[in-house]
């Protein structure tokens, strides 16, 4: 796992979102994952995965319940 300062925060928010469905955690996790996706301090695969997960989280929020 990448040793980037945002990694732990993004993982915590992602876990919270998955366990509770909290929309605020969803937005915050997506934002941090997007920041990680744009960081050149993490490897290309991790950047791609972070971007894909961010996109998926935002799609979940935009879908009507």
Protein backbone atom coordinates (compact mmCIF):
# COMPACT_ATOMS: atom_id res chain seq x y z
CA UNK A 1 0.00 0.00 0.00
CA UNK A 2 1.34 3.44 -0.85
CA UNK A 3 2.78 5.43 2.01
CA UNK A 4 1.15 8.75 1.18
CA UNK A 5 -0.33 11.02 3.88
CA UNK A 6 -3.79 10.98 2.25
CA UNK A 7 -3.93 7.19 1.95
CA UNK A 8 -4.98 6.51 5.55
CA UNK A 9 -7.58 9.27 5.52
CA UNK A 10 -9.04 8.09 2.21
CA UNK A 11 -9.18 4.50 3.45
CA UNK A 12 -10.87 5.54 6.70
CA UNK A 13 -13.53 7.53 4.85
CA UNK A 14 -14.04 4.75 2.32
CA UNK A 15 -14.57 2.23 5.13
CA UNK A 16 -16.96 4.59 6.90
CA UNK A 17 -18.91 5.11 3.69
CA UNK A 18 -19.14 1.39 2.99
CA UNK A 19 -20.23 0.57 6.54
CA UNK A 20 -22.70 3.42 7.10
CA UNK A 21 -23.69 4.73 3.67
CA UNK A 22 -22.98 8.24 4.91
CA UNK A 23 -23.20 10.63 1.94
CA UNK A 24 -20.76 13.07 3.55
CA UNK A 25 -18.16 10.31 3.90
CA UNK A 26 -18.84 9.40 0.27
CA UNK A 27 -18.07 12.92 -0.93
CA UNK A 28 -15.03 13.25 1.30
CA UNK A 29 -13.64 9.87 0.26
CA UNK A 30 -14.18 10.72 -3.41
CA UNK A 31 -12.37 14.03 -2.96
CA UNK A 32 -9.36 12.44 -1.26
CA UNK A 33 -9.21 9.63 -3.80
CA UNK A 34 -9.27 12.21 -6.59
CA UNK A 35 -6.36 14.04 -4.94
CA UNK A 36 -4.43 10.77 -4.71
CA UNK A 37 -5.25 10.07 -8.38
CA UNK A 38 -3.63 13.37 -9.29
CA UNK A 39 -0.54 12.85 -7.15
CA UNK A 40 2.72 11.83 -8.75
CA UNK A 41 3.90 10.58 -5.36
CA UNK A 42 1.97 7.32 -5.85
CA UNK A 43 2.42 4.74 -8.59
CA UNK A 44 0.38 4.71 -11.80
CA UNK A 45 -1.75 1.70 -10.84
CA UNK A 46 -2.73 3.29 -7.52
CA UNK A 47 -3.58 6.57 -9.27
CA UNK A 48 -5.81 4.70 -11.74
CA UNK A 49 -7.56 2.74 -8.99
CA UNK A 50 -8.11 5.88 -6.93
CA UNK A 51 -9.64 7.68 -9.90
CA UNK A 52 -11.92 4.75 -10.73
CA UNK A 53 -13.11 4.46 -7.13
CA UNK A 54 -13.69 8.20 -6.88
CA UNK A 55 -15.77 8.09 -10.06
CA UNK A 56 -17.77 5.14 -8.75
CA UNK A 57 -18.49 6.85 -5.44
CA UNK A 58 -19.68 10.00 -7.20
CA UNK A 59 -21.91 7.93 -9.48
CA UNK A 60 -23.53 6.34 -6.40
CA UNK A 61 -24.27 9.76 -4.94
CA UNK A 62 -25.74 11.07 -8.18
CA UNK A 63 -28.11 8.11 -8.66
CA UNK A 64 -31.57 8.75 -7.26
CA UNK A 65 -32.53 6.53 -4.35
